[in-house]
Amino acid sequence: AGTSGIVDVPEYTLLEQVHALVGPLDGF
C-alpha cells in the first residue's frame, strides 16, 4: 500500500494519469 497503483483510479482521465507521473519532474 502506498507505493504503487495510485494513478489507475477513475478520478483521473487517462491524460491526467500521465500528468500525475510527469508533473513532478517539471515541478521539481
mmCIF file of all heavy atoms, coordinates in Angstrom:
data_MODEL
# 
_entry.id   MODEL 
# 
loop_
_atom_site.group_PDB 
_atom_site.id 
_atom_site.type_symbol 
_atom_site.label_atom_id 
_atom_site.label_alt_id 
_atom_site.label_comp_id 
_atom_site.label_asym_id 
_atom_site.label_entity_id 
_atom_site.label_seq_id 
_atom_site.pdbx_PDB_ins_code 
_atom_site.Cartn_x 
_atom_site.Cartn_y 
_atom_site.Cartn_z 
_atom_site.occupancy 
_atom_site.B_iso_or_equiv 
_atom_site.pdbx_formal_charge 
_atom_site.auth_seq_id 
_atom_site.auth_comp_id 
_atom_site.auth_asym_id 
_atom_site.auth_atom_id 
_atom_site.pdbx_PDB_model_num 
ATOM 1   N N   . ALA A 1 1  ? 0.830   -1.195 0.000   1.00 0.00 ? 1  ALA A N   1 
ATOM 2   C CA  . ALA A 1 1  ? 0.000   0.000  0.000   1.00 0.00 ? 1  ALA A CA  1 
ATOM 3   C C   . ALA A 1 1  ? 0.862   1.241  0.000   1.00 0.00 ? 1  ALA A C   1 
ATOM 4   O O   . ALA A 1 1  ? 1.853   1.330  0.702   1.00 0.00 ? 1  ALA A O   1 
ATOM 5   C CB  . ALA A 1 1  ? -0.919  0.006  1.221   1.00 0.00 ? 1  ALA A CB  1 
ATOM 6   N N   . GLY A 1 2  ? 0.465   2.202  -0.797  1.00 0.00 ? 2  GLY A N   1 
ATOM 7   C CA  . GLY A 1 2  ? 1.114   3.498  -0.782  1.00 0.00 ? 2  GLY A CA  1 
ATOM 8   C C   . GLY A 1 2  ? 2.299   3.628  -1.704  1.00 0.00 ? 2  GLY A C   1 
ATOM 9   O O   . GLY A 1 2  ? 2.827   4.724  -1.877  1.00 0.00 ? 2  GLY A O   1 
ATOM 10  N N   . THR A 1 3  ? 2.724   2.529  -2.324  1.00 0.00 ? 3  THR A N   1 
ATOM 11  C CA  . THR A 1 3  ? 3.929   2.610  -3.148  1.00 0.00 ? 3  THR A CA  1 
ATOM 12  C C   . THR A 1 3  ? 3.670   2.350  -4.624  1.00 0.00 ? 3  THR A C   1 
ATOM 13  O O   . THR A 1 3  ? 4.553   2.551  -5.441  1.00 0.00 ? 3  THR A O   1 
ATOM 14  C CB  . THR A 1 3  ? 4.981   1.605  -2.645  1.00 0.00 ? 3  THR A CB  1 
ATOM 15  O OG1 . THR A 1 3  ? 4.409   0.276  -2.679  1.00 0.00 ? 3  THR A OG1 1 
ATOM 16  C CG2 . THR A 1 3  ? 5.391   1.932  -1.222  1.00 0.00 ? 3  THR A CG2 1 
ATOM 17  N N   . SER A 1 4  ? 2.490   1.865  -4.985  1.00 0.00 ? 4  SER A N   1 
ATOM 18  C CA  . SER A 1 4  ? 2.231   1.588  -6.393  1.00 0.00 ? 4  SER A CA  1 
ATOM 19  C C   . SER A 1 4  ? 0.724   1.631  -6.654  1.00 0.00 ? 4  SER A C   1 
ATOM 20  O O   . SER A 1 4  ? -0.090  1.626  -5.736  1.00 0.00 ? 4  SER A O   1 
ATOM 21  C CB  . SER A 1 4  ? 2.780   0.201  -6.783  1.00 0.00 ? 4  SER A CB  1 
ATOM 22  O OG  . SER A 1 4  ? 2.129   -0.811 -6.026  1.00 0.00 ? 4  SER A OG  1 
ATOM 23  N N   . GLY A 1 5  ? 0.375   1.629  -7.945  1.00 0.00 ? 5  GLY A N   1 
ATOM 24  C CA  . GLY A 1 5  ? -1.026  1.557  -8.328  1.00 0.00 ? 5  GLY A CA  1 
ATOM 25  C C   . GLY A 1 5  ? -1.869  2.717  -7.867  1.00 0.00 ? 5  GLY A C   1 
ATOM 26  O O   . GLY A 1 5  ? -3.024  2.533  -7.488  1.00 0.00 ? 5  GLY A O   1 
ATOM 27  N N   . ILE A 1 6  ? -1.337  3.931  -7.898  1.00 0.00 ? 6  ILE A N   1 
ATOM 28  C CA  . ILE A 1 6  ? -2.081  5.071  -7.357  1.00 0.00 ? 6  ILE A CA  1 
ATOM 29  C C   . ILE A 1 6  ? -2.530  6.044  -8.441  1.00 0.00 ? 6  ILE A C   1 
ATOM 30  O O   . ILE A 1 6  ? -3.014  7.121  -8.128  1.00 0.00 ? 6  ILE A O   1 
ATOM 31  C CB  . ILE A 1 6  ? -1.248  5.815  -6.301  1.00 0.00 ? 6  ILE A CB  1 
ATOM 32  C CG1 . ILE A 1 6  ? 0.084   6.270  -6.885  1.00 0.00 ? 6  ILE A CG1 1 
ATOM 33  C CG2 . ILE A 1 6  ? -1.044  4.967  -5.081  1.00 0.00 ? 6  ILE A CG2 1 
ATOM 34  C CD1 . ILE A 1 6  ? 0.925   7.102  -5.934  1.00 0.00 ? 6  ILE A CD1 1 
ATOM 35  N N   . VAL A 1 7  ? -2.374  5.682  -9.705  1.00 0.00 ? 7  VAL A N   1 
ATOM 36  C CA  . VAL A 1 7  ? -2.870  6.554  -10.774 1.00 0.00 ? 7  VAL A CA  1 
ATOM 37  C C   . VAL A 1 7  ? -4.061  5.940  -11.492 1.00 0.00 ? 7  VAL A C   1 
ATOM 38  O O   . VAL A 1 7  ? -4.832  6.666  -12.129 1.00 0.00 ? 7  VAL A O   1 
ATOM 39  C CB  . VAL A 1 7  ? -1.760  6.896  -11.794 1.00 0.00 ? 7  VAL A CB  1 
ATOM 40  C CG1 . VAL A 1 7  ? -0.663  7.695  -11.132 1.00 0.00 ? 7  VAL A CG1 1 
ATOM 41  C CG2 . VAL A 1 7  ? -1.212  5.646  -12.455 1.00 0.00 ? 7  VAL A CG2 1 
ATOM 42  N N   . ASP A 1 8  ? -4.219  4.620  -11.397 1.00 0.00 ? 8  ASP A N   1 
ATOM 43  C CA  . ASP A 1 8  ? -5.290  3.961  -12.133 1.00 0.00 ? 8  ASP A CA  1 
ATOM 44  C C   . ASP A 1 8  ? -6.591  3.971  -11.334 1.00 0.00 ? 8  ASP A C   1 
ATOM 45  O O   . ASP A 1 8  ? -7.116  2.936  -10.920 1.00 0.00 ? 8  ASP A O   1 
ATOM 46  C CB  . ASP A 1 8  ? -4.885  2.539  -12.514 1.00 0.00 ? 8  ASP A CB  1 
ATOM 47  C CG  . ASP A 1 8  ? -4.443  1.713  -11.309 1.00 0.00 ? 8  ASP A CG  1 
ATOM 48  O OD1 . ASP A 1 8  ? -4.014  2.310  -10.301 1.00 0.00 ? 8  ASP A OD1 1 
ATOM 49  O OD2 . ASP A 1 8  ? -4.517  0.477  -11.382 1.00 0.00 ? 8  ASP A OD2 1 
ATOM 50  N N   . VAL A 1 9  ? -7.108  5.163  -11.101 1.00 0.00 ? 9  VAL A N   1 
ATOM 51  C CA  . VAL A 1 9  ? -8.397  5.348  -10.439 1.00 0.00 ? 9  VAL A CA  1 
ATOM 52  C C   . VAL A 1 9  ? -9.278  6.178  -11.352 1.00 0.00 ? 9  VAL A C   1 
ATOM 53  O O   . VAL A 1 9  ? -8.771  6.972  -12.168 1.00 0.00 ? 9  VAL A O   1 
ATOM 54  C CB  . VAL A 1 9  ? -8.233  6.039  -9.061  1.00 0.00 ? 9  VAL A CB  1 
ATOM 55  C CG1 . VAL A 1 9  ? -7.456  5.159  -8.098  1.00 0.00 ? 9  VAL A CG1 1 
ATOM 56  C CG2 . VAL A 1 9  ? -7.563  7.401  -9.206  1.00 0.00 ? 9  VAL A CG2 1 
ATOM 57  N N   . PRO A 1 10 ? -10.606 6.025  -11.272 1.00 0.00 ? 10 PRO A N   1 
ATOM 58  C CA  . PRO A 1 10 ? -11.485 6.748  -12.200 1.00 0.00 ? 10 PRO A CA  1 
ATOM 59  C C   . PRO A 1 10 ? -11.477 8.258  -11.994 1.00 0.00 ? 10 PRO A C   1 
ATOM 60  O O   . PRO A 1 10 ? -11.989 8.992  -12.851 1.00 0.00 ? 10 PRO A O   1 
ATOM 61  C CB  . PRO A 1 10 ? -12.865 6.154  -11.916 1.00 0.00 ? 10 PRO A CB  1 
ATOM 62  C CG  . PRO A 1 10 ? -12.774 5.584  -10.536 1.00 0.00 ? 10 PRO A CG  1 
ATOM 63  C CD  . PRO A 1 10 ? -11.360 5.100  -10.405 1.00 0.00 ? 10 PRO A CD  1 
ATOM 64  N N   . GLU A 1 11 ? -10.921 8.722  -10.873 1.00 0.00 ? 11 GLU A N   1 
ATOM 65  C CA  . GLU A 1 11 ? -10.853 10.160 -10.634 1.00 0.00 ? 11 GLU A CA  1 
ATOM 66  C C   . GLU A 1 11 ? -9.879  10.871 -11.571 1.00 0.00 ? 11 GLU A C   1 
ATOM 67  O O   . GLU A 1 11 ? -9.870  12.108 -11.632 1.00 0.00 ? 11 GLU A O   1 
ATOM 68  C CB  . GLU A 1 11 ? -10.466 10.441 -9.190  1.00 0.00 ? 11 GLU A CB  1 
ATOM 69  C CG  . GLU A 1 11 ? -11.581 10.276 -8.182  1.00 0.00 ? 11 GLU A CG  1 
ATOM 70  C CD  . GLU A 1 11 ? -11.912 8.825  -7.865  1.00 0.00 ? 11 GLU A CD  1 
ATOM 71  O OE1 . GLU A 1 11 ? -11.130 7.924  -8.229  1.00 0.00 ? 11 GLU A OE1 1 
ATOM 72  O OE2 . GLU A 1 11 ? -12.964 8.582  -7.248  1.00 0.00 ? 11 GLU A OE2 1 
ATOM 73  N N   . TYR A 1 12 ? -9.049  10.106 -12.282 1.00 0.00 ? 12 TYR A N   1 
ATOM 74  C CA  . TYR A 1 12 ? -8.149  10.667 -13.286 1.00 0.00 ? 12 TYR A CA  1 
ATOM 75  C C   . TYR A 1 12 ? -8.631  10.292 -14.678 1.00 0.00 ? 12 TYR A C   1 
ATOM 76  O O   . TYR A 1 12 ? -9.024  9.145  -14.920 1.00 0.00 ? 12 TYR A O   1 
ATOM 77  C CB  . TYR A 1 12 ? -6.733  10.113 -13.146 1.00 0.00 ? 12 TYR A CB  1 
ATOM 78  C CG  . TYR A 1 12 ? -5.934  10.557 -11.963 1.00 0.00 ? 12 TYR A CG  1 
ATOM 79  C CD1 . TYR A 1 12 ? -5.328  9.614  -11.131 1.00 0.00 ? 12 TYR A CD1 1 
ATOM 80  C CD2 . TYR A 1 12 ? -5.741  11.906 -11.687 1.00 0.00 ? 12 TYR A CD2 1 
ATOM 81  C CE1 . TYR A 1 12 ? -4.556  10.008 -10.046 1.00 0.00 ? 12 TYR A CE1 1 
ATOM 82  C CE2 . TYR A 1 12 ? -4.979  12.303 -10.605 1.00 0.00 ? 12 TYR A CE2 1 
ATOM 83  C CZ  . TYR A 1 12 ? -4.387  11.342 -9.778  1.00 0.00 ? 12 TYR A CZ  1 
ATOM 84  O OH  . TYR A 1 12 ? -3.637  11.744 -8.710  1.00 0.00 ? 12 TYR A OH  1 
ATOM 85  N N   . THR A 1 13 ? -8.570  11.219 -15.618 1.00 0.00 ? 13 THR A N   1 
ATOM 86  C CA  . THR A 1 13 ? -8.651  10.837 -17.022 1.00 0.00 ? 13 THR A CA  1 
ATOM 87  C C   . THR A 1 13 ? -7.316  10.194 -17.392 1.00 0.00 ? 13 THR A C   1 
ATOM 88  O O   . THR A 1 13 ? -6.334  10.269 -16.638 1.00 0.00 ? 13 THR A O   1 
ATOM 89  C CB  . THR A 1 13 ? -8.889  12.051 -17.922 1.00 0.00 ? 13 THR A CB  1 
ATOM 90  O OG1 . THR A 1 13 ? -7.735  12.915 -17.856 1.00 0.00 ? 13 THR A OG1 1 
ATOM 91  C CG2 . THR A 1 13 ? -10.120 12.831 -17.483 1.00 0.00 ? 13 THR A CG2 1 
ATOM 92  N N   . LEU A 1 14 ? -7.276  9.555  -18.573 1.00 0.00 ? 14 LEU A N   1 
ATOM 93  C CA  . LEU A 1 14 ? -6.017  8.940  -18.999 1.00 0.00 ? 14 LEU A CA  1 
ATOM 94  C C   . LEU A 1 14 ? -4.939  10.003 -19.146 1.00 0.00 ? 14 LEU A C   1 
ATOM 95  O O   . LEU A 1 14 ? -3.776  9.793  -18.797 1.00 0.00 ? 14 LEU A O   1 
ATOM 96  C CB  . LEU A 1 14 ? -6.205  8.188  -20.311 1.00 0.00 ? 14 LEU A CB  1 
ATOM 97  C CG  . LEU A 1 14 ? -4.989  7.373  -20.774 1.00 0.00 ? 14 LEU A CG  1 
ATOM 98  C CD1 . LEU A 1 14 ? -4.659  6.293  -19.757 1.00 0.00 ? 14 LEU A CD1 1 
ATOM 99  C CD2 . LEU A 1 14 ? -5.250  6.731  -22.139 1.00 0.00 ? 14 LEU A CD2 1 
ATOM 100 N N   . LEU A 1 15 ? -5.328  11.166 -19.659 1.00 0.00 ? 15 LEU A N   1 
ATOM 101 C CA  . LEU A 1 15 ? -4.374  12.266 -19.801 1.00 0.00 ? 15 LEU A CA  1 
ATOM 102 C C   . LEU A 1 15 ? -3.856  12.701 -18.438 1.00 0.00 ? 15 LEU A C   1 
ATOM 103 O O   . LEU A 1 15 ? -2.658  12.964 -18.267 1.00 0.00 ? 15 LEU A O   1 
ATOM 104 C CB  . LEU A 1 15 ? -5.057  13.428 -20.519 1.00 0.00 ? 15 LEU A CB  1 
ATOM 105 C CG  . LEU A 1 15 ? -4.183  14.561 -21.043 1.00 0.00 ? 15 LEU A CG  1 
ATOM 106 C CD1 . LEU A 1 15 ? -3.174  14.049 -22.050 1.00 0.00 ? 15 LEU A CD1 1 
ATOM 107 C CD2 . LEU A 1 15 ? -5.054  15.643 -21.676 1.00 0.00 ? 15 LEU A CD2 1 
ATOM 108 N N   . GLU A 1 16 ? -4.723  12.777 -17.449 1.00 0.00 ? 16 GLU A N   1 
ATOM 109 C CA  . GLU A 1 16 ? -4.312  13.180 -16.103 1.00 0.00 ? 16 GLU A CA  1 
ATOM 110 C C   . GLU A 1 16 ? -3.435  12.125 -15.440 1.00 0.00 ? 16 GLU A C   1 
ATOM 111 O O   . GLU A 1 16 ? -2.571  12.460 -14.628 1.00 0.00 ? 16 GLU A O   1 
ATOM 112 C CB  . GLU A 1 16 ? -5.550  13.461 -15.257 1.00 0.00 ? 16 GLU A CB  1 
ATOM 113 C CG  . GLU A 1 16 ? -6.275  14.730 -15.678 1.00 0.00 ? 16 GLU A CG  1 
ATOM 114 C CD  . GLU A 1 16 ? -7.652  14.871 -15.043 1.00 0.00 ? 16 GLU A CD  1 
ATOM 115 O OE1 . GLU A 1 16 ? -8.138  13.882 -14.431 1.00 0.00 ? 16 GLU A OE1 1 
ATOM 116 O OE2 . GLU A 1 16 ? -8.247  15.952 -15.157 1.00 0.00 ? 16 GLU A OE2 1 
ATOM 117 N N   . GLN A 1 17 ? -3.645  10.866 -15.774 1.00 0.00 ? 17 GLN A N   1 
ATOM 118 C CA  . GLN A 1 17 ? -2.769  9.816  -15.241 1.00 0.00 ? 17 GLN A CA  1 
ATOM 119 C C   . GLN A 1 17 ? -1.327  10.044 -15.694 1.00 0.00 ? 17 GLN A C   1 
ATOM 120 O O   . GLN A 1 17 ? -0.388  9.905  -14.898 1.00 0.00 ? 17 GLN A O   1 
ATOM 121 C CB  . GLN A 1 17 ? -3.251  8.442  -15.704 1.00 0.00 ? 17 GLN A CB  1 
ATOM 122 C CG  . GLN A 1 17 ? -4.552  7.987  -15.059 1.00 0.00 ? 17 GLN A CG  1 
ATOM 123 C CD  . GLN A 1 17 ? -4.974  6.610  -15.522 1.00 0.00 ? 17 GLN A CD  1 
ATOM 124 O OE1 . GLN A 1 17 ? -4.148  5.819  -15.976 1.00 0.00 ? 17 GLN A OE1 1 
ATOM 125 N NE2 . GLN A 1 17 ? -6.258  6.311  -15.421 1.00 0.00 ? 17 GLN A NE2 1 
ATOM 126 N N   . VAL A 1 18 ? -1.171  10.407 -16.959 1.00 0.00 ? 18 VAL A N   1 
ATOM 127 C CA  . VAL A 1 18 ? 0.173   10.696 -17.466 1.00 0.00 ? 18 VAL A CA  1 
ATOM 128 C C   . VAL A 1 18 ? 0.750   11.922 -16.771 1.00 0.00 ? 18 VAL A C   1 
ATOM 129 O O   . VAL A 1 18 ? 1.910   11.941 -16.351 1.00 0.00 ? 18 VAL A O   1 
ATOM 130 C CB  . VAL A 1 18 ? 0.150   10.893 -18.989 1.00 0.00 ? 18 VAL A CB  1 
ATOM 131 C CG1 . VAL A 1 18 ? 1.524   11.320 -19.502 1.00 0.00 ? 18 VAL A CG1 1 
ATOM 132 C CG2 . VAL A 1 18 ? -0.301  9.622  -19.680 1.00 0.00 ? 18 VAL A CG2 1 
ATOM 133 N N   . HIS A 1 19 ? -0.063  12.963 -16.617 1.00 0.00 ? 19 HIS A N   1 
ATOM 134 C CA  . HIS A 1 19 ? 0.410   14.179 -15.970 1.00 0.00 ? 19 HIS A CA  1 
ATOM 135 C C   . HIS A 1 19 ? 0.757   13.941 -14.506 1.00 0.00 ? 19 HIS A C   1 
ATOM 136 O O   . HIS A 1 19 ? 1.657   14.594 -13.966 1.00 0.00 ? 19 HIS A O   1 
ATOM 137 C CB  . HIS A 1 19 ? -0.657  15.269 -16.088 1.00 0.00 ? 19 HIS A CB  1 
ATOM 138 C CG  . HIS A 1 19 ? -0.877  15.730 -17.483 1.00 0.00 ? 19 HIS A CG  1 
ATOM 139 N ND1 . HIS A 1 19 ? -2.017  16.398 -17.893 1.00 0.00 ? 19 HIS A ND1 1 
ATOM 140 C CD2 . HIS A 1 19 ? -0.106  15.611 -18.601 1.00 0.00 ? 19 HIS A CD2 1 
ATOM 141 C CE1 . HIS A 1 19 ? -1.925  16.670 -19.177 1.00 0.00 ? 19 HIS A CE1 1 
ATOM 142 N NE2 . HIS A 1 19 ? -0.779  16.203 -19.627 1.00 0.00 ? 19 HIS A NE2 1 
ATOM 143 N N   . ALA A 1 20 ? 0.052   13.014 -13.856 1.00 0.00 ? 20 ALA A N   1 
ATOM 144 C CA  . ALA A 1 20 ? 0.376   12.693 -12.468 1.00 0.00 ? 20 ALA A CA  1 
ATOM 145 C C   . ALA A 1 20 ? 1.774   12.094 -12.349 1.00 0.00 ? 20 ALA A C   1 
ATOM 146 O O   . ALA A 1 20 ? 2.439   12.236 -11.317 1.00 0.00 ? 20 ALA A O   1 
ATOM 147 C CB  . ALA A 1 20 ? -0.663  11.725 -11.893 1.00 0.00 ? 20 ALA A CB  1 
ATOM 148 N N   . LEU A 1 21 ? 2.225   11.442 -13.406 1.00 0.00 ? 21 LEU A N   1 
ATOM 149 C CA  . LEU A 1 21 ? 3.554   10.836 -13.400 1.00 0.00 ? 21 LEU A CA  1 
ATOM 150 C C   . LEU A 1 21 ? 4.647   11.825 -13.763 1.00 0.00 ? 21 LEU A C   1 
ATOM 151 O O   . LEU A 1 21 ? 5.748   11.801 -13.194 1.00 0.00 ? 21 LEU A O   1 
ATOM 152 C CB  . LEU A 1 21 ? 3.588   9.652  -14.377 1.00 0.00 ? 21 LEU A CB  1 
ATOM 153 C CG  . LEU A 1 21 ? 2.663   8.472  -14.053 1.00 0.00 ? 21 LEU A CG  1 
ATOM 154 C CD1 . LEU A 1 21 ? 2.692   7.456  -15.188 1.00 0.00 ? 21 LEU A CD1 1 
ATOM 155 C CD2 . LEU A 1 21 ? 3.069   7.817  -12.742 1.00 0.00 ? 21 LEU A CD2 1 
ATOM 156 N N   . VAL A 1 22 ? 4.358   12.713 -14.722 1.00 0.00 ? 22 VAL A N   1 
ATOM 157 C CA  . VAL A 1 22 ? 5.407   13.585 -15.250 1.00 0.00 ? 22 VAL A CA  1 
ATOM 158 C C   . VAL A 1 22 ? 5.398   14.966 -14.612 1.00 0.00 ? 22 VAL A C   1 
ATOM 159 O O   . VAL A 1 22 ? 6.412   15.677 -14.644 1.00 0.00 ? 22 VAL A O   1 
ATOM 160 C CB  . VAL A 1 22 ? 5.278   13.691 -16.784 1.00 0.00 ? 22 VAL A CB  1 
ATOM 161 C CG1 . VAL A 1 22 ? 4.127   14.593 -17.183 1.00 0.00 ? 22 VAL A CG1 1 
ATOM 162 C CG2 . VAL A 1 22 ? 6.577   14.147 -17.423 1.00 0.00 ? 22 VAL A CG2 1 
ATOM 163 N N   . GLY A 1 23 ? 4.278   15.367 -14.014 1.00 0.00 ? 23 GLY A N   1 
ATOM 164 C CA  . GLY A 1 23 ? 4.196   16.689 -13.404 1.00 0.00 ? 23 GLY A CA  1 
ATOM 165 C C   . GLY A 1 23 ? 5.281   16.970 -12.378 1.00 0.00 ? 23 GLY A C   1 
ATOM 166 O O   . GLY A 1 23 ? 5.860   18.067 -12.367 1.00 0.00 ? 23 GLY A O   1 
ATOM 167 N N   . PRO A 1 24 ? 5.593   15.998 -11.494 1.00 0.00 ? 24 PRO A N   1 
ATOM 168 C CA  . PRO A 1 24 ? 6.641   16.254 -10.504 1.00 0.00 ? 24 PRO A CA  1 
ATOM 169 C C   . PRO A 1 24 ? 8.016   16.535 -11.106 1.00 0.00 ? 24 PRO A C   1 
ATOM 170 O O   . PRO A 1 24 ? 8.848   17.182 -10.455 1.00 0.00 ? 24 PRO A O   1 
ATOM 171 C CB  . PRO A 1 24 ? 6.663   14.956 -9.682  1.00 0.00 ? 24 PRO A CB  1 
ATOM 172 C CG  . PRO A 1 24 ? 5.283   14.405 -9.818  1.00 0.00 ? 24 PRO A CG  1 
ATOM 173 C CD  . PRO A 1 24 ? 4.867   14.745 -11.220 1.00 0.00 ? 24 PRO A CD  1 
ATOM 174 N N   . LEU A 1 25 ? 8.278   16.069 -12.323 1.00 0.00 ? 25 LEU A N   1 
ATOM 175 C CA  . LEU A 1 25 ? 9.581   16.328 -12.930 1.00 0.00 ? 25 LEU A CA  1 
ATOM 176 C C   . LEU A 1 25 ? 9.754   17.815 -13.227 1.00 0.00 ? 25 LEU A C   1 
ATOM 177 O O   . LEU A 1 25 ? 10.746  18.436 -12.832 1.00 0.00 ? 25 LEU A O   1 
ATOM 178 C CB  . LEU A 1 25 ? 9.735   15.508 -14.216 1.00 0.00 ? 25 LEU A CB  1 
ATOM 179 C CG  . LEU A 1 25 ? 9.730   13.989 -14.072 1.00 0.00 ? 25 LEU A CG  1 
ATOM 180 C CD1 . LEU A 1 25 ? 9.866   13.334 -15.435 1.00 0.00 ? 25 LEU A CD1 1 
ATOM 181 C CD2 . LEU A 1 25 ? 10.835  13.520 -13.142 1.00 0.00 ? 25 LEU A CD2 1 
ATOM 182 N N   . ASP A 1 26 ? 8.778   18.398 -13.916 1.00 0.00 ? 26 ASP A N   1 
ATOM 183 C CA  . ASP A 1 26 ? 8.862   19.830 -14.217 1.00 0.00 ? 26 ASP A CA  1 
ATOM 184 C C   . ASP A 1 26 ? 8.695   20.667 -12.954 1.00 0.00 ? 26 ASP A C   1 
ATOM 185 O O   . ASP A 1 26 ? 9.349   21.701 -12.793 1.00 0.00 ? 26 ASP A O   1 
ATOM 186 C CB  . ASP A 1 26 ? 7.782   20.215 -15.227 1.00 0.00 ? 26 ASP A CB  1 
ATOM 187 C CG  . ASP A 1 26 ? 8.185   19.896 -16.660 1.00 0.00 ? 26 ASP A CG  1 
ATOM 188 O OD1 . ASP A 1 26 ? 9.341   19.479 -16.868 1.00 0.00 ? 26 ASP A OD1 1 
ATOM 189 O OD2 . ASP A 1 26 ? 7.354   20.044 -17.572 1.00 0.00 ? 26 ASP A OD2 1 
ATOM 190 N N   . GLY A 1 27 ? 7.808   20.244 -12.049 1.00 0.00 ? 27 GLY A N   1 
ATOM 191 C CA  . GLY A 1 27 ? 7.596   20.993 -10.819 1.00 0.00 ? 27 GLY A CA  1 
ATOM 192 C C   . GLY A 1 27 ? 8.832   21.026 -9.946  1.00 0.00 ? 27 GLY A C   1 
ATOM 193 O O   . GLY A 1 27 ? 9.206   22.073 -9.404  1.00 0.00 ? 27 GLY A O   1 
ATOM 194 N N   . PHE A 1 28 ? 9.483   19.884 -9.804  1.00 0.00 ? 28 PHE A N   1 
ATOM 195 C CA  . PHE A 1 28 ? 10.724  19.797 -9.020  1.00 0.00 ? 28 PHE A CA  1 
ATOM 196 C C   . PHE A 1 28 ? 11.777  20.719 -9.605  1.00 0.00 ? 28 PHE A C   1 
ATOM 197 O O   . PHE A 1 28 ? 12.447  21.476 -8.884  1.00 0.00 ? 28 PHE A O   1 
ATOM 198 C CB  . PHE A 1 28 ? 11.204  18.348 -9.020  1.00 0.00 ? 28 PHE A CB  1 
ATOM 199 C CG  . PHE A 1 28 ? 12.375  18.067 -8.113  1.00 0.00 ? 28 PHE A CG  1 
ATOM 200 C CD1 . PHE A 1 28 ? 12.189  17.413 -6.909  1.00 0.00 ? 28 PHE A CD1 1 
ATOM 201 C CD2 . PHE A 1 28 ? 13.664  18.442 -8.466  1.00 0.00 ? 28 PHE A CD2 1 
ATOM 202 C CE1 . PHE A 1 28 ? 13.269  17.136 -6.071  1.00 0.00 ? 28 PHE A CE1 1 
ATOM 203 C CE2 . PHE A 1 28 ? 14.744  18.182 -7.646  1.00 0.00 ? 28 PHE A CE2 1 
ATOM 204 C CZ  . PHE A 1 28 ? 14.546  17.522 -6.431  1.00 0.00 ? 28 PHE A CZ  1 
# 
